[in-house]
Amino acid sequence: MSLYQLQKLIYHVKRDPFHRERYRQDPAAFIKDYELNEEESSAAVSVDVRKLYALGVHSLLLRPFTPVTQSLQRGLRQGSGRIGVKRCPSFLPAARAMLPA
């Protein structure tokens, strides 16, 4: 397992606009620059947050990829004003979906 490489990949996608754009254009090609096993590669390409967390990726690195954060970001982009649970109807289902089975 190459947890360092996996977290490095996520960090680069989060922090560097150049890396982020390369990842968005072709995730499968982008991850080849990192030493990942097949399980890690699959989770990184599909952005499987549960799997990435189970593999040991720190939760703060995963936060931008979670449904709750994505829903909040969509609300901000749409200019819906104050963002919170009342303005984000997908908050509870998304939060429940992240709980272990």
Foldseek 3Di string as FASTA:
>chain_A
DCLVQLLVLLCCLVPPPVSVVVCVVPVLVSSVVTDDDPQSSVCRNVVVVLSNVVVPHDVVSSVCVAPQNVQQVVCVVVVVPDDDCVNRVCNVVSVVVSDDD
